[in-house]
N, C-alpha and C. Protein backbone atom coordinates (compact mmCIF):
# COMPACT_ATOMS: atom_id res chain seq x y z
N MET A 1 24.55 101.68 53.15
CA MET A 1 24.93 102.76 52.23
C MET A 1 26.02 102.30 51.27
N ALA A 2 27.07 101.69 51.85
CA ALA A 2 28.18 101.20 51.02
C ALA A 2 27.69 100.08 50.12
N THR A 3 26.78 99.24 50.66
CA THR A 3 26.27 98.14 49.85
C THR A 3 25.47 98.65 48.68
N THR A 4 24.64 99.67 48.93
CA THR A 4 23.83 100.26 47.85
C THR A 4 24.73 100.90 46.81
N GLN A 5 25.77 101.60 47.27
CA GLN A 5 26.70 102.25 46.33
C GLN A 5 27.43 101.23 45.47
N GLY A 6 27.86 100.10 46.10
CA GLY A 6 28.54 99.05 45.35
C GLY A 6 27.63 98.43 44.31
N ARG A 7 26.35 98.23 44.71
CA ARG A 7 25.40 97.65 43.77
C ARG A 7 25.19 98.58 42.58
N ASN A 8 25.09 99.87 42.84
CA ASN A 8 24.92 100.85 41.76
C ASN A 8 26.13 100.86 40.82
N GLN A 9 27.33 100.74 41.38
CA GLN A 9 28.54 100.72 40.55
C GLN A 9 28.56 99.48 39.66
N ARG A 10 28.15 98.31 40.23
CA ARG A 10 28.10 97.09 39.41
C ARG A 10 27.08 97.23 38.29
N ASN A 11 25.92 97.82 38.61
CA ASN A 11 24.89 98.03 37.58
C ASN A 11 25.39 98.94 36.47
N ASP A 12 26.15 99.99 36.86
CA ASP A 12 26.70 100.91 35.86
C ASP A 12 27.67 100.17 34.94
N ARG A 13 28.54 99.30 35.54
CA ARG A 13 29.50 98.56 34.74
C ARG A 13 28.78 97.60 33.79
N LEU A 14 27.74 96.94 34.28
CA LEU A 14 26.97 96.03 33.42
C LEU A 14 26.29 96.78 32.28
N HIS A 15 25.76 97.97 32.60
CA HIS A 15 25.10 98.78 31.57
C HIS A 15 26.09 99.21 30.49
N ASP A 16 27.31 99.61 30.94
CA ASP A 16 28.34 100.05 29.98
C ASP A 16 28.80 98.90 29.11
N ALA A 17 28.77 97.68 29.66
CA ALA A 17 29.27 96.52 28.91
C ALA A 17 28.22 95.91 28.00
N ALA A 18 26.96 96.39 28.14
CA ALA A 18 25.88 95.80 27.32
C ALA A 18 26.13 96.09 25.85
N PRO A 19 25.94 95.09 25.00
CA PRO A 19 26.18 95.30 23.57
C PRO A 19 25.14 96.23 22.97
N THR A 20 25.57 97.01 22.00
CA THR A 20 24.65 97.89 21.31
C THR A 20 23.93 97.12 20.21
N ALA A 21 22.75 97.59 19.87
CA ALA A 21 21.96 96.90 18.84
C ALA A 21 22.63 97.05 17.48
N VAL A 22 22.65 95.97 16.72
CA VAL A 22 23.25 95.95 15.39
C VAL A 22 22.20 95.50 14.39
N THR A 23 22.05 96.26 13.33
CA THR A 23 21.11 95.89 12.28
C THR A 23 21.79 94.93 11.32
N VAL A 24 21.21 93.76 11.15
CA VAL A 24 21.77 92.73 10.27
C VAL A 24 20.94 92.67 9.00
N PRO A 25 21.59 92.75 7.83
CA PRO A 25 20.83 92.68 6.58
C PRO A 25 20.09 91.35 6.45
N ALA A 26 18.94 91.40 5.80
CA ALA A 26 18.16 90.17 5.58
C ALA A 26 18.95 89.22 4.70
N PRO A 27 18.86 87.92 4.95
CA PRO A 27 19.59 86.96 4.11
C PRO A 27 19.06 86.98 2.69
N ARG A 28 19.93 86.75 1.73
CA ARG A 28 19.55 86.70 0.33
C ARG A 28 19.27 85.27 -0.09
N THR A 29 18.48 85.13 -1.13
CA THR A 29 18.14 83.80 -1.61
C THR A 29 18.98 83.44 -2.82
N HIS A 30 18.93 82.18 -3.21
CA HIS A 30 19.60 81.69 -4.41
C HIS A 30 21.11 81.93 -4.37
N GLY A 31 21.71 81.95 -3.19
CA GLY A 31 23.15 82.12 -3.08
C GLY A 31 23.64 83.50 -3.47
N GLU A 32 22.74 84.47 -3.48
CA GLU A 32 23.11 85.82 -3.91
C GLU A 32 23.95 86.49 -2.83
N THR A 33 24.99 87.18 -3.25
CA THR A 33 25.83 87.89 -2.29
C THR A 33 25.29 89.30 -2.09
N ILE A 34 25.58 89.86 -0.94
CA ILE A 34 25.13 91.21 -0.63
C ILE A 34 26.15 92.20 -1.19
N PRO A 35 25.73 93.17 -2.03
CA PRO A 35 26.68 94.12 -2.60
C PRO A 35 27.25 95.04 -1.53
N ALA A 36 28.40 95.60 -1.83
CA ALA A 36 29.01 96.54 -0.90
C ALA A 36 28.05 97.70 -0.65
N ALA A 37 27.90 98.06 0.61
CA ALA A 37 26.94 99.11 0.95
C ALA A 37 27.46 100.47 0.50
N THR A 38 26.57 101.26 -0.03
CA THR A 38 26.90 102.63 -0.38
C THR A 38 26.03 103.51 0.48
N ALA A 39 26.65 104.30 1.35
CA ALA A 39 25.89 105.09 2.30
C ALA A 39 26.23 106.57 2.15
N GLY A 40 25.42 107.38 2.83
CA GLY A 40 25.67 108.81 2.86
C GLY A 40 25.51 109.47 1.51
N PRO A 41 26.20 110.58 1.30
CA PRO A 41 26.05 111.34 0.05
C PRO A 41 26.44 110.55 -1.20
N ALA A 42 27.31 109.55 -1.05
CA ALA A 42 27.76 108.78 -2.21
C ALA A 42 26.59 108.11 -2.93
N ARG A 43 25.61 107.64 -2.18
CA ARG A 43 24.49 106.96 -2.83
C ARG A 43 23.67 107.91 -3.68
N TYR A 44 23.63 109.19 -3.31
CA TYR A 44 22.92 110.17 -4.12
C TYR A 44 23.70 110.52 -5.38
N ALA A 45 25.02 110.49 -5.27
CA ALA A 45 25.85 110.72 -6.46
C ALA A 45 25.65 109.59 -7.47
N TRP A 46 25.62 108.34 -6.98
CA TRP A 46 25.39 107.20 -7.87
C TRP A 46 23.98 107.26 -8.46
N ALA A 47 23.01 107.68 -7.65
CA ALA A 47 21.63 107.78 -8.15
C ALA A 47 21.54 108.86 -9.23
N ALA A 48 22.23 109.98 -9.02
CA ALA A 48 22.23 111.05 -10.02
C ALA A 48 22.89 110.57 -11.31
N ALA A 49 23.98 109.81 -11.19
CA ALA A 49 24.64 109.26 -12.38
C ALA A 49 23.72 108.30 -13.11
N ARG A 50 22.98 107.48 -12.35
CA ARG A 50 22.03 106.54 -12.96
C ARG A 50 20.96 107.26 -13.76
N ILE A 51 20.36 108.29 -13.16
CA ILE A 51 19.29 109.03 -13.83
C ILE A 51 19.84 109.78 -15.04
N ALA A 52 21.04 110.36 -14.90
CA ALA A 52 21.63 111.12 -16.00
C ALA A 52 21.92 110.23 -17.21
N ILE A 53 22.53 109.07 -16.96
CA ILE A 53 22.84 108.17 -18.08
C ILE A 53 21.54 107.58 -18.65
N GLY A 54 20.57 107.32 -17.79
CA GLY A 54 19.27 106.86 -18.27
C GLY A 54 18.64 107.87 -19.21
N TRP A 55 18.77 109.15 -18.87
CA TRP A 55 18.21 110.20 -19.72
C TRP A 55 18.95 110.28 -21.05
N VAL A 56 20.26 110.05 -21.04
CA VAL A 56 21.02 110.05 -22.29
C VAL A 56 20.45 108.99 -23.25
N PHE A 57 20.20 107.79 -22.73
CA PHE A 57 19.63 106.72 -23.56
C PHE A 57 18.21 107.05 -24.00
N LEU A 58 17.37 107.49 -23.05
CA LEU A 58 15.97 107.74 -23.37
C LEU A 58 15.83 108.92 -24.33
N TRP A 59 16.64 109.95 -24.14
CA TRP A 59 16.58 111.10 -25.04
C TRP A 59 17.00 110.71 -26.45
N ALA A 60 18.02 109.88 -26.58
CA ALA A 60 18.43 109.42 -27.91
C ALA A 60 17.27 108.71 -28.60
N PHE A 61 16.53 107.90 -27.84
CA PHE A 61 15.36 107.21 -28.40
C PHE A 61 14.31 108.21 -28.86
N LEU A 62 13.96 109.17 -28.00
CA LEU A 62 12.90 110.13 -28.33
C LEU A 62 13.28 111.00 -29.52
N ASP A 63 14.53 111.47 -29.55
CA ASP A 63 14.96 112.35 -30.64
C ASP A 63 14.97 111.60 -31.97
N LYS A 64 15.42 110.35 -31.95
CA LYS A 64 15.44 109.56 -33.18
C LYS A 64 14.02 109.16 -33.61
N LEU A 65 13.14 108.97 -32.63
CA LEU A 65 11.77 108.59 -32.95
C LEU A 65 10.98 109.75 -33.57
N PHE A 66 11.07 110.93 -32.95
CA PHE A 66 10.25 112.06 -33.38
C PHE A 66 11.00 113.10 -34.21
N GLY A 67 12.33 113.04 -34.22
CA GLY A 67 13.10 114.02 -34.99
C GLY A 67 12.90 115.43 -34.47
N TRP A 68 13.23 115.65 -33.22
CA TRP A 68 13.03 116.95 -32.60
C TRP A 68 14.12 117.96 -32.93
N GLY A 69 15.00 117.60 -33.85
CA GLY A 69 15.96 118.55 -34.37
C GLY A 69 17.24 118.71 -33.58
N PHE A 70 17.49 117.89 -32.58
CA PHE A 70 18.74 117.99 -31.83
C PHE A 70 19.83 117.20 -32.55
N ALA A 71 19.68 115.88 -32.61
CA ALA A 71 20.62 115.07 -33.38
C ALA A 71 19.96 114.51 -34.64
N THR A 72 18.62 114.56 -34.67
CA THR A 72 17.87 113.99 -35.78
C THR A 72 16.90 115.01 -36.35
N PRO A 73 17.06 115.38 -37.63
CA PRO A 73 16.09 116.30 -38.25
C PRO A 73 14.71 115.64 -38.36
N THR A 74 13.67 116.44 -38.40
CA THR A 74 12.31 115.93 -38.48
C THR A 74 12.12 114.99 -39.66
N ALA A 75 12.70 115.34 -40.79
CA ALA A 75 12.53 114.53 -42.00
C ALA A 75 13.12 113.14 -41.85
N LYS A 76 14.11 112.97 -40.95
CA LYS A 76 14.77 111.67 -40.78
C LYS A 76 14.29 110.92 -39.53
N ALA A 77 13.19 111.42 -38.93
CA ALA A 77 12.64 110.75 -37.75
C ALA A 77 12.16 109.36 -38.11
N TRP A 78 12.22 108.47 -37.15
CA TRP A 78 11.80 107.09 -37.38
C TRP A 78 10.33 107.03 -37.78
N ILE A 79 9.48 107.86 -37.14
CA ILE A 79 8.05 107.85 -37.47
C ILE A 79 7.79 108.41 -38.86
N ASN A 80 8.76 109.09 -39.44
CA ASN A 80 8.63 109.62 -40.79
C ASN A 80 9.33 108.75 -41.82
N GLY A 81 9.70 107.53 -41.42
CA GLY A 81 10.31 106.60 -42.36
C GLY A 81 11.83 106.60 -42.36
N GLY A 82 12.45 107.42 -41.51
CA GLY A 82 13.90 107.44 -41.43
C GLY A 82 14.44 106.23 -40.68
N SER A 83 15.71 105.96 -40.86
CA SER A 83 16.36 104.85 -40.16
C SER A 83 17.25 105.40 -39.05
N PRO A 84 17.00 105.01 -37.81
CA PRO A 84 17.79 105.53 -36.70
C PRO A 84 19.24 105.05 -36.67
N THR A 85 19.56 104.01 -37.45
CA THR A 85 20.93 103.48 -37.42
C THR A 85 21.76 103.89 -38.63
N THR A 86 21.11 104.33 -39.69
CA THR A 86 21.83 104.58 -40.94
C THR A 86 22.88 105.67 -40.81
N GLY A 87 22.50 106.81 -40.25
CA GLY A 87 23.42 107.94 -40.18
C GLY A 87 24.73 107.60 -39.49
N PHE A 88 24.63 106.98 -38.31
CA PHE A 88 25.84 106.65 -37.54
C PHE A 88 26.64 105.54 -38.21
N LEU A 89 25.97 104.46 -38.58
CA LEU A 89 26.70 103.31 -39.11
C LEU A 89 27.27 103.55 -40.50
N LYS A 90 26.60 104.33 -41.32
CA LYS A 90 27.14 104.64 -42.66
C LYS A 90 28.39 105.51 -42.53
N GLY A 91 28.49 106.26 -41.45
CA GLY A 91 29.66 107.11 -41.23
C GLY A 91 30.89 106.37 -40.77
N THR A 92 30.77 105.05 -40.61
CA THR A 92 31.91 104.25 -40.15
C THR A 92 32.59 103.51 -41.29
N ALA A 93 32.29 103.89 -42.53
CA ALA A 93 32.79 103.14 -43.70
C ALA A 93 34.31 103.00 -43.71
N ASP A 94 35.03 104.06 -43.32
CA ASP A 94 36.50 104.01 -43.37
C ASP A 94 37.12 103.62 -42.04
N HIS A 95 36.33 103.06 -41.14
CA HIS A 95 36.84 102.62 -39.85
C HIS A 95 37.19 101.13 -39.89
N THR A 96 37.80 100.66 -38.82
CA THR A 96 38.30 99.29 -38.76
C THR A 96 37.24 98.25 -39.12
N PHE A 97 36.07 98.37 -38.52
CA PHE A 97 35.00 97.41 -38.76
C PHE A 97 33.90 98.01 -39.64
N GLY A 98 34.29 98.95 -40.47
CA GLY A 98 33.32 99.65 -41.31
C GLY A 98 32.49 98.74 -42.19
N GLY A 99 33.11 97.71 -42.76
CA GLY A 99 32.38 96.80 -43.63
C GLY A 99 31.25 96.10 -42.90
N LEU A 100 31.52 95.63 -41.70
CA LEU A 100 30.50 94.94 -40.92
C LEU A 100 29.36 95.87 -40.56
N PHE A 101 29.68 97.05 -40.04
CA PHE A 101 28.64 97.96 -39.58
C PHE A 101 27.86 98.57 -40.74
N ASN A 102 28.49 98.70 -41.90
CA ASN A 102 27.77 99.21 -43.07
C ASN A 102 26.69 98.23 -43.53
N THR A 103 26.94 96.94 -43.39
CA THR A 103 25.93 95.96 -43.79
C THR A 103 24.74 95.96 -42.83
N LEU A 104 24.96 96.42 -41.59
CA LEU A 104 23.87 96.48 -40.61
C LEU A 104 23.04 97.75 -40.73
N ALA A 105 23.62 98.80 -41.28
CA ALA A 105 22.97 100.11 -41.34
C ALA A 105 21.65 100.03 -42.10
N GLY A 106 20.58 100.52 -41.47
CA GLY A 106 19.29 100.62 -42.14
C GLY A 106 18.49 99.33 -42.18
N GLN A 107 19.03 98.23 -41.68
CA GLN A 107 18.26 96.98 -41.64
C GLN A 107 17.10 97.15 -40.65
N PRO A 108 15.87 96.82 -41.05
CA PRO A 108 14.73 97.01 -40.14
C PRO A 108 14.91 96.33 -38.78
N TRP A 109 15.44 95.11 -38.77
CA TRP A 109 15.61 94.42 -37.48
C TRP A 109 16.64 95.09 -36.60
N VAL A 110 17.66 95.69 -37.24
CA VAL A 110 18.67 96.42 -36.47
C VAL A 110 18.07 97.69 -35.89
N ASP A 111 17.26 98.40 -36.72
CA ASP A 111 16.59 99.61 -36.22
C ASP A 111 15.70 99.30 -35.02
N TRP A 112 14.90 98.24 -35.13
CA TRP A 112 14.00 97.88 -34.03
C TRP A 112 14.78 97.47 -32.79
N LEU A 113 15.81 96.69 -32.96
CA LEU A 113 16.62 96.25 -31.82
C LEU A 113 17.30 97.45 -31.15
N PHE A 114 17.83 98.35 -31.95
CA PHE A 114 18.52 99.53 -31.44
C PHE A 114 17.55 100.44 -30.67
N MET A 115 16.40 100.73 -31.26
CA MET A 115 15.44 101.63 -30.62
C MET A 115 14.82 101.01 -29.37
N THR A 116 14.53 99.71 -29.43
CA THR A 116 14.00 99.03 -28.24
C THR A 116 15.03 99.06 -27.12
N GLY A 117 16.29 98.86 -27.48
CA GLY A 117 17.36 98.93 -26.49
C GLY A 117 17.47 100.30 -25.86
N LEU A 118 17.46 101.34 -26.67
CA LEU A 118 17.55 102.71 -26.13
C LEU A 118 16.41 103.00 -25.17
N ALA A 119 15.18 102.67 -25.58
CA ALA A 119 14.01 102.95 -24.74
C ALA A 119 14.03 102.12 -23.46
N GLY A 120 14.31 100.83 -23.58
CA GLY A 120 14.31 99.95 -22.42
C GLY A 120 15.40 100.28 -21.42
N ILE A 121 16.61 100.50 -21.92
CA ILE A 121 17.74 100.81 -21.03
C ILE A 121 17.50 102.15 -20.34
N GLY A 122 17.08 103.15 -21.11
CA GLY A 122 16.83 104.47 -20.53
C GLY A 122 15.76 104.45 -19.46
N THR A 123 14.65 103.78 -19.75
CA THR A 123 13.54 103.72 -18.79
C THR A 123 13.95 102.96 -17.53
N ALA A 124 14.63 101.84 -17.70
CA ALA A 124 15.05 101.04 -16.55
C ALA A 124 16.00 101.83 -15.65
N LEU A 125 16.95 102.54 -16.24
CA LEU A 125 17.90 103.31 -15.45
C LEU A 125 17.22 104.45 -14.70
N ILE A 126 16.34 105.16 -15.36
CA ILE A 126 15.67 106.28 -14.70
C ILE A 126 14.82 105.79 -13.54
N LEU A 127 14.11 104.68 -13.72
CA LEU A 127 13.25 104.14 -12.66
C LEU A 127 14.03 103.37 -11.60
N GLY A 128 15.23 102.90 -11.94
CA GLY A 128 16.03 102.13 -10.99
C GLY A 128 15.62 100.68 -10.91
N VAL A 129 14.99 100.15 -11.97
CA VAL A 129 14.55 98.76 -11.99
C VAL A 129 15.28 98.00 -13.09
N GLY A 130 15.38 96.69 -12.92
CA GLY A 130 16.04 95.89 -13.95
C GLY A 130 17.46 96.33 -14.23
N MET A 131 18.16 96.75 -13.18
CA MET A 131 19.48 97.35 -13.35
C MET A 131 20.50 96.38 -13.94
N ARG A 132 20.40 95.10 -13.60
CA ARG A 132 21.39 94.14 -14.10
C ARG A 132 21.28 93.98 -15.61
N ILE A 133 20.06 93.82 -16.10
CA ILE A 133 19.88 93.67 -17.54
C ILE A 133 20.17 94.98 -18.26
N ALA A 134 19.73 96.10 -17.67
CA ALA A 134 19.98 97.41 -18.29
C ALA A 134 21.48 97.70 -18.40
N ALA A 135 22.22 97.39 -17.34
CA ALA A 135 23.66 97.64 -17.36
C ALA A 135 24.37 96.73 -18.35
N THR A 136 23.94 95.48 -18.42
CA THR A 136 24.58 94.52 -19.33
C THR A 136 24.31 94.89 -20.78
N THR A 137 23.03 95.10 -21.12
CA THR A 137 22.69 95.44 -22.51
C THR A 137 23.20 96.82 -22.88
N GLY A 138 23.14 97.75 -21.93
CA GLY A 138 23.67 99.08 -22.20
C GLY A 138 25.16 99.06 -22.44
N GLY A 139 25.87 98.26 -21.63
CA GLY A 139 27.31 98.13 -21.82
C GLY A 139 27.66 97.52 -23.16
N LEU A 140 26.90 96.49 -23.58
CA LEU A 140 27.15 95.87 -24.89
C LEU A 140 26.88 96.85 -26.03
N LEU A 141 25.80 97.61 -25.93
CA LEU A 141 25.48 98.60 -26.96
C LEU A 141 26.58 99.66 -27.06
N LEU A 142 27.05 100.12 -25.91
CA LEU A 142 28.12 101.12 -25.89
C LEU A 142 29.41 100.56 -26.47
N LEU A 143 29.74 99.31 -26.16
CA LEU A 143 30.95 98.69 -26.69
C LEU A 143 30.88 98.53 -28.21
N MET A 144 29.68 98.22 -28.73
CA MET A 144 29.53 98.11 -30.18
C MET A 144 29.69 99.48 -30.85
N MET A 145 29.15 100.51 -30.22
CA MET A 145 29.30 101.86 -30.78
C MET A 145 30.76 102.30 -30.72
N TRP A 146 31.46 101.89 -29.66
CA TRP A 146 32.89 102.18 -29.54
C TRP A 146 33.66 101.47 -30.66
N ALA A 147 33.34 100.19 -30.88
CA ALA A 147 34.02 99.42 -31.91
C ALA A 147 33.77 99.99 -33.30
N ALA A 148 32.58 100.54 -33.51
CA ALA A 148 32.24 101.11 -34.82
C ALA A 148 33.09 102.33 -35.14
N GLU A 149 33.63 102.99 -34.12
CA GLU A 149 34.41 104.21 -34.34
C GLU A 149 35.92 103.97 -34.35
N LEU A 150 36.35 102.74 -34.19
CA LEU A 150 37.79 102.45 -34.20
C LEU A 150 38.37 102.64 -35.59
N PRO A 151 39.60 103.14 -35.71
CA PRO A 151 40.43 103.68 -34.63
C PRO A 151 39.95 105.07 -34.21
N LEU A 152 40.07 105.35 -32.93
CA LEU A 152 39.64 106.64 -32.41
C LEU A 152 40.60 107.73 -32.87
N THR A 153 40.08 108.93 -32.99
CA THR A 153 40.92 110.04 -33.46
C THR A 153 41.46 110.91 -32.33
N THR A 154 40.86 110.81 -31.14
CA THR A 154 41.27 111.69 -30.05
C THR A 154 41.98 110.97 -28.91
N ASN A 155 42.03 109.64 -28.95
CA ASN A 155 42.63 108.87 -27.87
C ASN A 155 42.97 107.48 -28.41
N PRO A 156 44.02 106.86 -27.93
CA PRO A 156 44.36 105.52 -28.45
C PRO A 156 43.26 104.48 -28.28
N PHE A 157 42.53 104.53 -27.15
CA PHE A 157 41.50 103.50 -26.93
C PHE A 157 40.32 103.96 -26.09
N MET A 158 40.45 105.05 -25.33
CA MET A 158 39.41 105.45 -24.37
C MET A 158 38.54 106.56 -24.94
N ASP A 159 37.23 106.38 -24.81
CA ASP A 159 36.30 107.46 -25.14
C ASP A 159 35.08 107.35 -24.22
N GLU A 160 34.07 108.19 -24.46
CA GLU A 160 32.92 108.25 -23.56
C GLU A 160 32.12 106.95 -23.53
N HIS A 161 32.17 106.17 -24.60
CA HIS A 161 31.43 104.91 -24.60
C HIS A 161 31.97 103.95 -23.53
N ILE A 162 33.28 103.88 -23.42
CA ILE A 162 33.91 103.01 -22.40
C ILE A 162 33.63 103.56 -21.01
N VAL A 163 33.70 104.87 -20.85
CA VAL A 163 33.44 105.48 -19.54
C VAL A 163 32.01 105.18 -19.10
N TYR A 164 31.05 105.37 -20.00
CA TYR A 164 29.65 105.08 -19.67
C TYR A 164 29.47 103.60 -19.30
N ALA A 165 30.13 102.71 -20.03
CA ALA A 165 30.01 101.27 -19.75
C ALA A 165 30.53 100.94 -18.35
N ILE A 166 31.64 101.57 -17.96
CA ILE A 166 32.20 101.35 -16.62
C ILE A 166 31.25 101.88 -15.55
N VAL A 167 30.67 103.05 -15.79
CA VAL A 167 29.72 103.62 -14.83
C VAL A 167 28.49 102.72 -14.70
N LEU A 168 28.01 102.17 -15.80
CA LEU A 168 26.87 101.25 -15.74
C LEU A 168 27.17 100.06 -14.84
N ALA A 169 28.37 99.51 -14.95
CA ALA A 169 28.76 98.40 -14.08
C ALA A 169 28.75 98.85 -12.62
N GLY A 170 29.28 100.03 -12.36
CA GLY A 170 29.30 100.56 -11.00
C GLY A 170 27.91 100.77 -10.44
N LEU A 171 26.98 101.23 -11.28
CA LEU A 171 25.61 101.45 -10.84
C LEU A 171 24.97 100.15 -10.33
N THR A 172 25.23 99.07 -11.04
CA THR A 172 24.66 97.78 -10.64
C THR A 172 25.33 97.26 -9.38
N LEU A 173 26.65 97.34 -9.32
CA LEU A 173 27.38 96.79 -8.18
C LEU A 173 27.09 97.53 -6.88
N THR A 174 26.73 98.80 -6.96
CA THR A 174 26.44 99.58 -5.75
C THR A 174 24.96 99.64 -5.41
N GLY A 175 24.13 98.95 -6.19
CA GLY A 175 22.69 98.97 -5.91
C GLY A 175 22.08 100.34 -6.06
N ALA A 176 22.50 101.08 -7.09
CA ALA A 176 22.08 102.48 -7.24
C ALA A 176 20.60 102.64 -7.53
N GLY A 177 19.92 101.56 -7.90
CA GLY A 177 18.49 101.67 -8.20
C GLY A 177 17.61 101.87 -6.98
N THR A 178 18.17 101.66 -5.78
CA THR A 178 17.36 101.77 -4.56
C THR A 178 17.29 103.20 -4.02
N THR A 179 18.14 104.09 -4.50
CA THR A 179 18.12 105.49 -4.06
C THR A 179 17.50 106.33 -5.17
N LEU A 180 16.47 107.09 -4.82
CA LEU A 180 15.74 107.91 -5.80
C LEU A 180 15.23 107.05 -6.96
N GLY A 181 14.91 105.81 -6.66
CA GLY A 181 14.41 104.89 -7.67
C GLY A 181 13.50 103.85 -7.04
N LEU A 182 13.00 102.96 -7.87
CA LEU A 182 12.05 101.94 -7.42
C LEU A 182 12.71 100.58 -7.22
N GLY A 183 14.03 100.56 -7.07
CA GLY A 183 14.76 99.30 -6.97
C GLY A 183 14.33 98.42 -5.82
N THR A 184 14.06 99.00 -4.65
CA THR A 184 13.66 98.20 -3.49
C THR A 184 12.31 97.55 -3.72
N GLN A 185 11.34 98.34 -4.21
CA GLN A 185 10.01 97.79 -4.47
C GLN A 185 10.05 96.75 -5.58
N TRP A 186 10.86 97.01 -6.60
CA TRP A 186 10.99 96.08 -7.72
C TRP A 186 11.57 94.75 -7.24
N ALA A 187 12.60 94.81 -6.40
CA ALA A 187 13.25 93.59 -5.90
C ALA A 187 12.30 92.76 -5.04
N ALA A 188 11.28 93.39 -4.45
CA ALA A 188 10.36 92.68 -3.56
C ALA A 188 9.22 92.00 -4.32
N THR A 189 9.10 92.22 -5.61
CA THR A 189 8.01 91.61 -6.37
C THR A 189 8.26 90.11 -6.51
N PRO A 190 7.19 89.31 -6.58
CA PRO A 190 7.36 87.85 -6.71
C PRO A 190 8.19 87.46 -7.93
N LEU A 191 8.02 88.18 -9.04
CA LEU A 191 8.76 87.84 -10.26
C LEU A 191 10.26 87.99 -10.05
N VAL A 192 10.67 89.09 -9.45
CA VAL A 192 12.11 89.34 -9.25
C VAL A 192 12.67 88.44 -8.17
N ARG A 193 11.87 88.15 -7.15
CA ARG A 193 12.34 87.22 -6.12
C ARG A 193 12.57 85.83 -6.70
N ARG A 194 11.77 85.47 -7.70
CA ARG A 194 11.95 84.17 -8.33
C ARG A 194 13.10 84.19 -9.32
N PHE A 195 13.27 85.32 -10.02
CA PHE A 195 14.33 85.45 -11.01
C PHE A 195 15.21 86.66 -10.66
N PRO A 196 16.17 86.52 -9.74
CA PRO A 196 16.98 87.65 -9.27
C PRO A 196 17.75 88.36 -10.38
N ILE A 197 17.94 87.71 -11.53
CA ILE A 197 18.63 88.36 -12.63
C ILE A 197 17.90 89.61 -13.10
N LEU A 198 16.61 89.70 -12.78
CA LEU A 198 15.79 90.85 -13.20
C LEU A 198 15.96 92.06 -12.29
N LYS A 199 16.74 91.95 -11.23
CA LYS A 199 16.92 93.08 -10.30
C LYS A 199 17.48 94.29 -11.02
């Protein structure tokens, strides 16, 4: 009886000392580091921010393309021969870099580059794919728009363009494309596995 009880006590101690299972992330290739994990409700907040900013970019593209009357009148729609860059860039004439941006206003190659950027960045953010390129190009576009408005009238240096650029960086660093997006499936494709910059 005492022997059986002692054996049971030893088994209980061994069971209590047994290590618990730990999930280890899969190793990354090409020397890629694993981003800081975002768990719980925070990942949904980042996903919501990703989709919201993606919609800001995509909506700007659609409104300028079709002239739905929000920021672009129908007569000035791109499909009606209007220039999507002229209105904003011509309005920067008396700003710090007004001369530079005025020469770019209305140039066909600038219009195409701008509209392609809006559509591509917006679509990538909403779907959660190509986040690295979307965040980089989106951040550059936002910084150029910020520079076009210098000096700012409501703040010495900070405005929504800088805030959006910072959020874009955060979206990429936290892997926000994997929540409510196609980031996981996109990362598993042979193309992205070969060229991780496309994540």
